[in-house]
Amino acid sequence: MLHVTCDLCGKDIRPGEDHRFVVKMEAFAVSDPAELTEADLDEDHMEAISALLRDMEENENGPDLAEARKKFRFDLCSDCHHRFMLNPLAKETAQKFDFSKN
């Protein structure tokens, strides 16, 4: 029998008795494209790609792109799913801190 607990509150979720929700998230780095210019259109892109491939072959210890992308999967009970849907980034919770002005 499959044993599942809510990843937020720790409640046991019994198959067939309780509703279970799965939340999947993915975080990754994004590079916004620069504005396309006439110089970009005139550039020899095949030469640029060849140079890039040569650099990659020579520098096998390049940036670790696996660190730039991460996938998450969470099992939630009905109550936690409802709270998650109302505030998915927990912004309200993070803003509730009220520090003294000492």
PDB file of N, CA and C in Angstrom:
ATOM      1  N   MET A   1       0.833  -1.173   0.000  1.00  0.00           N
ATOM      2  CA  MET A   1       0.000   0.000   0.000  1.00  0.00           C
ATOM      3  C   MET A   1       0.886   1.247   0.000  1.00  0.00           C
ATOM      4  N   LEU A   2       0.486   2.232  -0.768  1.00  0.00           N
ATOM      5  CA  LEU A   2       1.226   3.479  -0.904  1.00  0.00           C
ATOM      6  C   LEU A   2       0.983   4.367   0.311  1.00  0.00           C
ATOM      7  N   HIS A   3       2.067   4.853   0.928  1.00  0.00           N
ATOM      8  CA  HIS A   3       1.959   5.739   2.090  1.00  0.00           C
ATOM      9  C   HIS A   3       2.357   7.144   1.653  1.00  0.00           C
ATOM     10  N   VAL A   4       1.425   8.094   1.744  1.00  0.00           N
ATOM     11  CA  VAL A   4       1.679   9.467   1.321  1.00  0.00           C
ATOM     12  C   VAL A   4       1.348  10.409   2.465  1.00  0.00           C
ATOM     13  N   THR A   5       2.221  11.380   2.693  1.00  0.00           N
ATOM     14  CA  THR A   5       1.949  12.424   3.677  1.00  0.00           C
ATOM     15  C   THR A   5       2.005  13.775   2.979  1.00  0.00           C
ATOM     16  N   CYS A   6       1.276  14.731   3.516  1.00  0.00           N
ATOM     17  CA  CYS A   6       1.263  16.086   2.980  1.00  0.00           C
ATOM     18  C   CYS A   6       2.638  16.712   3.228  1.00  0.00           C
ATOM     19  N   ASP A   7       3.214  17.275   2.191  1.00  0.00           N
ATOM     20  CA  ASP A   7       4.538  17.872   2.318  1.00  0.00           C
ATOM     21  C   ASP A   7       4.533  19.189   3.089  1.00  0.00           C
ATOM     22  N   LEU A   8       3.360  19.759   3.345  1.00  0.00           N
ATOM     23  CA  LEU A   8       3.297  20.992   4.139  1.00  0.00           C
ATOM     24  C   LEU A   8       2.986  20.728   5.605  1.00  0.00           C
ATOM     25  N   CYS A   9       1.909  20.012   5.870  1.00  0.00           N
ATOM     26  CA  CYS A   9       1.488  19.831   7.269  1.00  0.00           C
ATOM     27  C   CYS A   9       1.871  18.473   7.850  1.00  0.00           C
ATOM     28  N   GLY A  10       2.243  17.505   7.016  1.00  0.00           N
ATOM     29  CA  GLY A  10       2.646  16.190   7.504  1.00  0.00           C
ATOM     30  C   GLY A  10       1.503  15.216   7.726  1.00  0.00           C
ATOM     31  N   LYS A  11       0.270  15.624   7.420  1.00  0.00           N
ATOM     32  CA  LYS A  11      -0.900  14.762   7.607  1.00  0.00           C
ATOM     33  C   LYS A  11      -0.808  13.541   6.687  1.00  0.00           C
ATOM     34  N   ASP A  12      -1.203  12.363   7.210  1.00  0.00           N
ATOM     35  CA  ASP A  12      -1.277  11.164   6.374  1.00  0.00           C
ATOM     36  C   ASP A  12      -2.430  11.322   5.383  1.00  0.00           C
ATOM     37  N   ILE A  13      -2.165  11.019   4.132  1.00  0.00           N
ATOM     38  CA  ILE A  13      -3.200  11.063   3.094  1.00  0.00           C
ATOM     39  C   ILE A  13      -3.485   9.625   2.709  1.00  0.00           C
ATOM     40  N   ARG A  14      -4.678   9.155   3.066  1.00  0.00           N
ATOM     41  CA  ARG A  14      -5.043   7.764   2.825  1.00  0.00           C
ATOM     42  C   ARG A  14      -5.657   7.617   1.437  1.00  0.00           C
ATOM     43  N   PRO A  15      -5.085   6.734   0.596  1.00  0.00           N
ATOM     44  CA  PRO A  15      -5.638   6.527  -0.752  1.00  0.00           C
ATOM     45  C   PRO A  15      -7.085   6.056  -0.679  1.00  0.00           C
ATOM     46  N   GLY A  16      -7.951   6.664  -1.469  1.00  0.00           N
ATOM     47  CA  GLY A  16      -9.353   6.287  -1.506  1.00  0.00           C
ATOM     48  C   GLY A  16     -10.204   6.977  -0.458  1.00  0.00           C
ATOM     49  N   GLU A  17      -9.584   7.540   0.577  1.00  0.00           N
ATOM     50  CA  GLU A  17     -10.334   8.210   1.636  1.00  0.00           C
ATOM     51  C   GLU A  17     -10.139   9.719   1.600  1.00  0.00           C
ATOM     52  N   ASP A  18      -8.943  10.165   1.332  1.00  0.00           N
ATOM     53  CA  ASP A  18      -8.626  11.592   1.317  1.00  0.00           C
ATOM     54  C   ASP A  18      -8.262  12.018  -0.110  1.00  0.00           C
ATOM     55  N   HIS A  19      -8.520  13.284  -0.384  1.00  0.00           N
ATOM     56  CA  HIS A  19      -8.091  13.826  -1.671  1.00  0.00           C
ATOM     57  C   HIS A  19      -6.620  14.202  -1.567  1.00  0.00           C
ATOM     58  N   ARG A  20      -5.879  13.910  -2.629  1.00  0.00           N
ATOM     59  CA  ARG A  20      -4.463  14.253  -2.676  1.00  0.00           C
ATOM     60  C   ARG A  20      -4.243  15.108  -3.907  1.00  0.00           C
ATOM     61  N   PHE A  21      -3.461  16.157  -3.751  1.00  0.00           N
ATOM     62  CA  PHE A  21      -3.144  17.049  -4.849  1.00  0.00           C
ATOM     63  C   PHE A  21      -1.634  17.076  -5.040  1.00  0.00           C
ATOM     64  N   VAL A  22      -1.213  17.134  -6.288  1.00  0.00           N
ATOM     65  CA  VAL A  22       0.207  17.214  -6.609  1.00  0.00           C
ATOM     66  C   VAL A  22       0.481  18.591  -7.196  1.00  0.00           C
ATOM     67  N   VAL A  23       1.493  19.258  -6.636  1.00  0.00           N
ATOM     68  CA  VAL A  23       1.935  20.555  -7.154  1.00  0.00           C
ATOM     69  C   VAL A  23       3.328  20.344  -7.727  1.00  0.00           C
ATOM     70  N   LYS A  24       3.496  20.735  -9.001  1.00  0.00           N
ATOM     71  CA  LYS A  24       4.800  20.646  -9.650  1.00  0.00           C
ATOM     72  C   LYS A  24       5.246  22.058 -10.004  1.00  0.00           C
ATOM     73  N   MET A  25       6.505  22.352  -9.694  1.00  0.00           N
ATOM     74  CA  MET A  25       7.080  23.651 -10.014  1.00  0.00           C
ATOM     75  C   MET A  25       8.439  23.449 -10.658  1.00  0.00           C
ATOM     76  N   GLU A  26       8.815  24.400 -11.471  1.00  0.00           N
ATOM     77  CA  GLU A  26      10.116  24.358 -12.117  1.00  0.00           C
ATOM     78  C   GLU A  26      10.710  25.758 -12.055  1.00  0.00           C
ATOM     79  N   ALA A  27      11.959  25.838 -11.622  1.00  0.00           N
ATOM     80  CA  ALA A  27      12.664  27.117 -11.560  1.00  0.00           C
ATOM     81  C   ALA A  27      13.866  27.027 -12.488  1.00  0.00           C
ATOM     82  N   PHE A  28      14.034  28.037 -13.322  1.00  0.00           N
ATOM     83  CA  PHE A  28      15.161  28.036 -14.245  1.00  0.00           C
ATOM     84  C   PHE A  28      15.539  29.462 -14.617  1.00  0.00           C
ATOM     85  N   ALA A  29      16.801  29.617 -15.003  1.00  0.00           N
ATOM     86  CA  ALA A  29      17.310  30.922 -15.409  1.00  0.00           C
ATOM     87  C   ALA A  29      16.758  31.271 -16.785  1.00  0.00           C
ATOM     88  N   VAL A  30      16.473  32.547 -16.972  1.00  0.00           N
ATOM     89  CA  VAL A  30      15.929  33.017 -18.240  1.00  0.00           C
ATOM     90  C   VAL A  30      16.812  34.142 -18.752  1.00  0.00           C
ATOM     91  N   SER A  31      17.060  34.106 -20.027  1.00  0.00           N
ATOM     92  CA  SER A  31      17.821  35.173 -20.666  1.00  0.00           C
ATOM     93  C   SER A  31      16.920  35.829 -21.693  1.00  0.00           C
ATOM     94  N   ASP A  32      16.560  37.082 -21.427  1.00  0.00           N
ATOM     95  CA  ASP A  32      15.715  37.798 -22.366  1.00  0.00           C
ATOM     96  C   ASP A  32      16.528  38.159 -23.602  1.00  0.00           C
ATOM     97  N   PRO A  33      15.956  37.968 -24.783  1.00  0.00           N
ATOM     98  CA  PRO A  33      16.704  38.275 -26.008  1.00  0.00           C
ATOM     99  C   PRO A  33      16.939  39.774 -26.151  1.00  0.00           C
ATOM    100  N   ALA A  34      18.106  40.092 -26.700  1.00  0.00           N
ATOM    101  CA  ALA A  34      18.416  41.494 -26.965  1.00  0.00           C
ATOM    102  C   ALA A  34      17.659  41.936 -28.217  1.00  0.00           C
ATOM    103  N   GLU A  35      17.620  43.232 -28.424  1.00  0.00           N
ATOM    104  CA  GLU A  35      16.950  43.776 -29.598  1.00  0.00           C
ATOM    105  C   GLU A  35      17.729  43.397 -30.859  1.00  0.00           C
ATOM    106  N   LEU A  36      17.041  42.965 -31.878  1.00  0.00           N
ATOM    107  CA  LEU A  36      17.648  42.563 -33.141  1.00  0.00           C
ATOM    108  C   LEU A  36      18.006  43.805 -33.955  1.00  0.00           C
ATOM    109  N   THR A  37      19.260  43.863 -34.420  1.00  0.00           N
ATOM    110  CA  THR A  37      19.722  45.018 -35.194  1.00  0.00           C
ATOM    111  C   THR A  37      20.166  44.575 -36.578  1.00  0.00           C
ATOM    112  N   GLU A  38      20.461  45.544 -37.437  1.00  0.00           N
ATOM    113  CA  GLU A  38      20.976  45.247 -38.781  1.00  0.00           C
ATOM    114  C   GLU A  38      22.299  44.498 -38.699  1.00  0.00           C
ATOM    115  N   ALA A  39      23.132  44.859 -37.727  1.00  0.00           N
ATOM    116  CA  ALA A  39      24.425  44.182 -37.561  1.00  0.00           C
ATOM    117  C   ALA A  39      24.229  42.700 -37.262  1.00  0.00           C
ATOM    118  N   ASP A  40      23.177  42.368 -36.492  1.00  0.00           N
ATOM    119  CA  ASP A  40      22.885  40.961 -36.196  1.00  0.00           C
ATOM    120  C   ASP A  40      22.546  40.196 -37.469  1.00  0.00           C
ATOM    121  N   LEU A  41      21.829  40.841 -38.367  1.00  0.00           N
ATOM    122  CA  LEU A  41      21.437  40.193 -39.613  1.00  0.00           C
ATOM    123  C   LEU A  41      22.621  39.987 -40.546  1.00  0.00           C
ATOM    124  N   ASP A  42      23.611  40.869 -40.451  1.00  0.00           N
ATOM    125  CA  ASP A  42      24.789  40.773 -41.314  1.00  0.00           C
ATOM    126  C   ASP A  42      25.845  39.817 -40.775  1.00  0.00           C
ATOM    127  N   GLU A  43      25.750  39.453 -39.501  1.00  0.00           N
ATOM    128  CA  GLU A  43      26.756  38.608 -38.853  1.00  0.00           C
ATOM    129  C   GLU A  43      26.732  37.198 -39.421  1.00  0.00           C
ATOM    130  N   ASP A  44      27.919  36.571 -39.467  1.00  0.00           N
ATOM    131  CA  ASP A  44      28.046  35.182 -39.925  1.00  0.00           C
ATOM    132  C   ASP A  44      27.772  34.267 -38.731  1.00  0.00           C
ATOM    133  N   HIS A  45      26.557  33.805 -38.606  1.00  0.00           N
ATOM    134  CA  HIS A  45      26.157  33.010 -37.450  1.00  0.00           C
ATOM    135  C   HIS A  45      26.790  31.622 -37.447  1.00  0.00           C
ATOM    136  N   MET A  46      27.058  31.070 -38.594  1.00  0.00           N
ATOM    137  CA  MET A  46      27.692  29.749 -38.652  1.00  0.00           C
ATOM    138  C   MET A  46      29.089  29.810 -38.042  1.00  0.00           C
ATOM    139  N   GLU A  47      29.811  30.879 -38.294  1.00  0.00           N
ATOM    140  CA  GLU A  47      31.142  31.025 -37.694  1.00  0.00           C
ATOM    141  C   GLU A  47      31.025  31.188 -36.179  1.00  0.00           C
ATOM    142  N   ALA A  48      30.034  31.934 -35.723  1.00  0.00           N
ATOM    143  CA  ALA A  48      29.843  32.121 -34.288  1.00  0.00           C
ATOM    144  C   ALA A  48      29.501  30.795 -33.605  1.00  0.00           C
ATOM    145  N   ILE A  49      28.686  29.986 -34.236  1.00  0.00           N
ATOM    146  CA  ILE A  49      28.321  28.678 -33.676  1.00  0.00           C
ATOM    147  C   ILE A  49      29.531  27.762 -33.652  1.00  0.00           C
ATOM    148  N   SER A  50      30.328  27.784 -34.711  1.00  0.00           N
ATOM    149  CA  SER A  50      31.549  26.962 -34.747  1.00  0.00           C
ATOM    150  C   SER A  50      32.497  27.358 -33.621  1.00  0.00           C
ATOM    151  N   ALA A  51      32.658  28.659 -33.406  1.00  0.00           N
ATOM    152  CA  ALA A  51      33.538  29.127 -32.333  1.00  0.00           C
ATOM    153  C   ALA A  51      32.995  28.703 -30.972  1.00  0.00           C
ATOM    154  N   LEU A  52      31.701  28.787 -30.799  1.00  0.00           N
ATOM    155  CA  LEU A  52      31.084  28.383 -29.542  1.00  0.00           C
ATOM    156  C   LEU A  52      31.290  26.893 -29.279  1.00  0.00           C
ATOM    157  N   LEU A  53      31.116  26.066 -30.306  1.00  0.00           N
ATOM    158  CA  LEU A  53      31.323  24.627 -30.162  1.00  0.00           C
ATOM    159  C   LEU A  53      32.780  24.308 -29.826  1.00  0.00           C
ATOM    160  N   ARG A  54      33.723  25.017 -30.458  1.00  0.00           N
ATOM    161  CA  ARG A  54      35.146  24.812 -30.161  1.00  0.00           C
ATOM    162  C   ARG A  54      35.434  25.162 -28.706  1.00  0.00           C
ATOM    163  N   ASP A  55      34.879  26.278 -28.246  1.00  0.00           N
ATOM    164  CA  ASP A  55      35.093  26.686 -26.856  1.00  0.00           C
ATOM    165  C   ASP A  55      34.523  25.660 -25.887  1.00  0.00           C
ATOM    166  N   MET A  56      33.356  25.111 -26.208  1.00  0.00           N
ATOM    167  CA  MET A  56      32.739  24.112 -25.340  1.00  0.00           C
ATOM    168  C   MET A  56      33.580  22.847 -25.272  1.00  0.00           C
ATOM    169  N   GLU A  57      34.165  22.444 -26.399  1.00  0.00           N
ATOM    170  CA  GLU A  57      35.000  21.245 -26.417  1.00  0.00           C
ATOM    171  C   GLU A  57      36.276  21.456 -25.624  1.00  0.00           C
ATOM    172  N   GLU A  58      36.838  22.655 -25.697  1.00  0.00           N
ATOM    173  CA  GLU A  58      38.083  22.948 -24.996  1.00  0.00           C
ATOM    174  C   GLU A  58      37.851  23.140 -23.504  1.00  0.00           C
ATOM    175  N   ASN A  59      36.741  23.687 -23.124  1.00  0.00           N
ATOM    176  CA  ASN A  59      36.433  23.979 -21.720  1.00  0.00           C
ATOM    177  C   ASN A  59      35.300  23.085 -21.240  1.00  0.00           C
ATOM    178  N   GLU A  60      35.632  21.836 -20.982  1.00  0.00           N
ATOM    179  CA  GLU A  60      34.604  20.896 -20.546  1.00  0.00           C
ATOM    180  C   GLU A  60      34.058  21.250 -19.172  1.00  0.00           C
ATOM    181  N   ASN A  61      34.767  22.056 -18.418  1.00  0.00           N
ATOM    182  CA  ASN A  61      34.314  22.459 -17.084  1.00  0.00           C
ATOM    183  C   ASN A  61      33.576  23.790 -17.155  1.00  0.00           C
ATOM    184  N   GLY A  62      32.705  23.944 -18.119  1.00  0.00           N
ATOM    185  CA  GLY A  62      31.940  25.176 -18.294  1.00  0.00           C
ATOM    186  C   GLY A  62      30.900  25.324 -17.203  1.00  0.00           C
ATOM    187  N   PRO A  63      30.017  26.278 -17.355  1.00  0.00           N
ATOM    188  CA  PRO A  63      28.988  26.500 -16.324  1.00  0.00           C
ATOM    189  C   PRO A  63      28.083  25.283 -16.173  1.00  0.00           C
ATOM    190  N   ASP A  64      27.729  24.989 -14.932  1.00  0.00           N
ATOM    191  CA  ASP A  64      26.877  23.838 -14.633  1.00  0.00           C
ATOM    192  C   ASP A  64      25.417  24.257 -14.792  1.00  0.00           C
ATOM    193  N   LEU A  65      24.824  23.911 -15.933  1.00  0.00           N
ATOM    194  CA  LEU A  65      23.449  24.303 -16.197  1.00  0.00           C
ATOM    195  C   LEU A  65      22.454  23.513 -15.359  1.00  0.00           C
ATOM    196  N   ALA A  66      22.881  22.384 -14.815  1.00  0.00           N
ATOM    197  CA  ALA A  66      21.980  21.612 -13.957  1.00  0.00           C
ATOM    198  C   ALA A  66      21.631  22.411 -12.707  1.00  0.00           C
ATOM    199  N   GLU A  67      22.549  23.255 -12.250  1.00  0.00           N
ATOM    200  CA  GLU A  67      22.284  24.079 -11.077  1.00  0.00           C
ATOM    201  C   GLU A  67      21.295  25.195 -11.396  1.00  0.00           C
ATOM    202  N   ALA A  68      21.184  25.567 -12.666  1.00  0.00           N
ATOM    203  CA  ALA A  68      20.308  26.664 -13.061  1.00  0.00           C
ATOM    204  C   ALA A  68      18.860  26.204 -13.224  1.00  0.00           C
ATOM    205  N   ARG A  69      18.612  24.911 -13.262  1.00  0.00           N
ATOM    206  CA  ARG A  69      17.259  24.380 -13.446  1.00  0.00           C
ATOM    207  C   ARG A  69      16.959  23.384 -12.334  1.00  0.00           C
ATOM    208  N   LYS A  70      15.798  23.555 -11.727  1.00  0.00           N
ATOM    209  CA  LYS A  70      15.405  22.649 -10.641  1.00  0.00           C
ATOM    210  C   LYS A  70      13.907  22.410 -10.729  1.00  0.00           C
ATOM    211  N   LYS A  71      13.504  21.152 -10.599  1.00  0.00           N
ATOM    212  CA  LYS A  71      12.089  20.784 -10.603  1.00  0.00           C
ATOM    213  C   LYS A  71      11.690  20.334  -9.209  1.00  0.00           C
ATOM    214  N   PHE A  72      10.476  20.704  -8.808  1.00  0.00           N
ATOM    215  CA  PHE A  72       9.950  20.356  -7.499  1.00  0.00           C
ATOM    216  C   PHE A  72       8.612  19.645  -7.670  1.00  0.00           C
ATOM    217  N   ARG A  73       8.311  18.710  -6.736  1.00  0.00           N
ATOM    218  CA  ARG A  73       7.026  18.014  -6.733  1.00  0.00           C
ATOM    219  C   ARG A  73       6.593  17.858  -5.286  1.00  0.00           C
ATOM    220  N   PHE A  74       5.356  18.278  -5.001  1.00  0.00           N
ATOM    221  CA  PHE A  74       4.851  18.227  -3.640  1.00  0.00           C
ATOM    222  C   PHE A  74       3.483  17.558  -3.620  1.00  0.00           C
ATOM    223  N   ASP A  75       3.255  16.710  -2.618  1.00  0.00           N
ATOM    224  CA  ASP A  75       1.941  16.128  -2.368  1.00  0.00           C
ATOM    225  C   ASP A  75       1.281  16.971  -1.287  1.00  0.00           C
ATOM    226  N   LEU A  76       0.026  17.393  -1.536  1.00  0.00           N
ATOM    227  CA  LEU A  76      -0.692  18.221  -0.581  1.00  0.00           C
ATOM    228  C   LEU A  76      -2.038  17.604  -0.233  1.00  0.00           C
ATOM    229  N   CYS A  77      -2.442  17.784   1.029  1.00  0.00           N
ATOM    230  CA  CYS A  77      -3.780  17.381   1.440  1.00  0.00           C
ATOM    231  C   CYS A  77      -4.765  18.449   0.961  1.00  0.00           C
ATOM    232  N   SER A  78      -6.041  18.221   1.130  1.00  0.00           N
ATOM    233  CA  SER A  78      -7.065  19.159   0.660  1.00  0.00           C
ATOM    234  C   SER A  78      -6.911  20.545   1.287  1.00  0.00           C
ATOM    235  N   ASP A  79      -6.693  20.593   2.598  1.00  0.00           N
ATOM    236  CA  ASP A  79      -6.580  21.882   3.281  1.00  0.00           C
ATOM    237  C   ASP A  79      -5.363  22.667   2.804  1.00  0.00           C
ATOM    238  N   CYS A  80      -4.227  22.017   2.702  1.00  0.00           N
ATOM    239  CA  CYS A  80      -3.009  22.708   2.258  1.00  0.00           C
ATOM    240  C   CYS A  80      -3.110  23.114   0.785  1.00  0.00           C
ATOM    241  N   HIS A  81      -3.770  22.284  -0.019  1.00  0.00           N
ATOM    242  CA  HIS A  81      -3.970  22.640  -1.422  1.00  0.00           C
ATOM    243  C   HIS A  81      -4.817  23.907  -1.530  1.00  0.00           C
ATOM    244  N   HIS A  82      -5.867  23.989  -0.723  1.00  0.00           N
ATOM    245  CA  HIS A  82      -6.730  25.173  -0.734  1.00  0.00           C
ATOM    246  C   HIS A  82      -5.925  26.423  -0.347  1.00  0.00           C
ATOM    247  N   ARG A  83      -5.115  26.325   0.720  1.00  0.00           N
ATOM    248  CA  ARG A  83      -4.286  27.464   1.142  1.00  0.00           C
ATOM    249  C   ARG A  83      -3.256  27.817   0.068  1.00  0.00           C
ATOM    250  N   PHE A  84      -2.669  26.802  -0.568  1.00  0.00           N
ATOM    251  CA  PHE A  84      -1.684  27.048  -1.632  1.00  0.00           C
ATOM    252  C   PHE A  84      -2.324  27.786  -2.800  1.00  0.00           C
ATOM    253  N   MET A  85      -3.514  27.380  -3.191  1.00  0.00           N
ATOM    254  CA  MET A  85      -4.180  28.016  -4.331  1.00  0.00           C
ATOM    255  C   MET A  85      -4.537  29.476  -4.043  1.00  0.00           C
ATOM    256  N   LEU A  86      -4.802  29.800  -2.791  1.00  0.00           N
ATOM    257  CA  LEU A  86      -5.113  31.186  -2.427  1.00  0.00           C
ATOM    258  C   LEU A  86      -3.862  32.072  -2.402  1.00  0.00           C
ATOM    259  N   ASN A  87      -2.712  31.472  -2.110  1.00  0.00           N
ATOM    260  CA  ASN A  87      -1.477  32.242  -1.948  1.00  0.00           C
ATOM    261  C   ASN A  87      -0.278  31.385  -2.356  1.00  0.00           C
ATOM    262  N   PRO A  88      -0.098  31.097  -3.649  1.00  0.00           N
ATOM    263  CA  PRO A  88       0.915  30.130  -4.084  1.00  0.00           C
ATOM    264  C   PRO A  88       2.365  30.515  -3.769  1.00  0.00           C
ATOM    265  N   LEU A  89       2.677  31.788  -3.681  1.00  0.00           N
ATOM    266  CA  LEU A  89       4.050  32.190  -3.377  1.00  0.00           C
ATOM    267  C   LEU A  89       4.246  32.541  -1.906  1.00  0.00           C
ATOM    268  N   ALA A  90       3.218  32.328  -1.105  1.00  0.00           N
ATOM    269  CA  ALA A  90       3.266  32.614   0.341  1.00  0.00           C
ATOM    270  C   ALA A  90       3.703  34.050   0.601  1.00  0.00           C
ATOM    271  N   LYS A  91       3.279  34.955  -0.260  1.00  0.00           N
ATOM    272  CA  LYS A  91       3.666  36.357  -0.124  1.00  0.00           C
ATOM    273  C   LYS A  91       3.090  36.977   1.141  1.00  0.00           C
ATOM    274  N   GLU A  92       1.854  36.670   1.449  1.00  0.00           N
ATOM    275  CA  GLU A  92       1.238  37.243   2.643  1.00  0.00           C
ATOM    276  C   GLU A  92       1.948  36.779   3.907  1.00  0.00           C
ATOM    277  N   THR A  93       2.351  35.536   3.944  1.00  0.00           N
ATOM    278  CA  THR A  93       3.052  34.996   5.108  1.00  0.00           C
ATOM    279  C   THR A  93       4.394  35.685   5.281  1.00  0.00           C
ATOM    280  N   ALA A  94       5.114  35.891   4.190  1.00  0.00           N
ATOM    281  CA  ALA A  94       6.441  36.509   4.256  1.00  0.00           C
ATOM    282  C   ALA A  94       6.356  37.961   4.688  1.00  0.00           C
ATOM    283  N   GLN A  95       5.251  38.633   4.423  1.00  0.00           N
ATOM    284  CA  GLN A  95       5.129  40.040   4.758  1.00  0.00           C
ATOM    285  C   GLN A  95       4.560  40.280   6.145  1.00  0.00           C
ATOM    286  N   LYS A  96       4.237  39.238   6.890  1.00  0.00           N
ATOM    287  CA  LYS A  96       3.643  39.407   8.208  1.00  0.00           C
ATOM    288  C   LYS A  96       4.664  39.699   9.301  1.00  0.00           C
ATOM    289  N   PHE A  97       5.948  39.633   9.005  1.00  0.00           N
ATOM    290  CA  PHE A  97       6.953  39.925  10.015  1.00  0.00           C
ATOM    291  C   PHE A  97       6.896  41.402  10.361  1.00  0.00           C
ATOM    292  N   ASP A  98       6.865  41.690  11.652  1.00  0.00           N
ATOM    293  CA  ASP A  98       6.818  43.071  12.110  1.00  0.00           C
ATOM    294  C   ASP A  98       7.966  43.256  13.082  1.00  0.00           C
ATOM    295  N   PHE A  99       9.071  43.808  12.591  1.00  0.00           N
ATOM    296  CA  PHE A  99      10.245  43.962  13.418  1.00  0.00           C
ATOM    297  C   PHE A  99      10.156  45.249  14.236  1.00  0.00           C
ATOM    298  N   SER A 100      10.667  45.209  15.451  1.00  0.00           N
ATOM    299  CA  SER A 100      10.682  46.404  16.275  1.00  0.00           C
ATOM    300  C   SER A 100      11.703  47.395  15.733  1.00  0.00           C
ATOM    301  N   LYS A 101      11.534  48.671  16.108  1.00  0.00           N
ATOM    302  CA  LYS A 101      12.416  49.720  15.609  1.00  0.00           C
ATOM    303  C   LYS A 101      13.469  50.073  16.649  1.00  0.00           C
ATOM    304  N   ASN A 102      14.142  49.067  17.179  1.00  0.00           N
ATOM    305  CA  ASN A 102      15.200  49.281  18.190  1.00  0.00           C
ATOM    306  C   ASN A 102      16.451  49.747  17.544  1.00  0.00           C
TER     307      ASN A 102
END
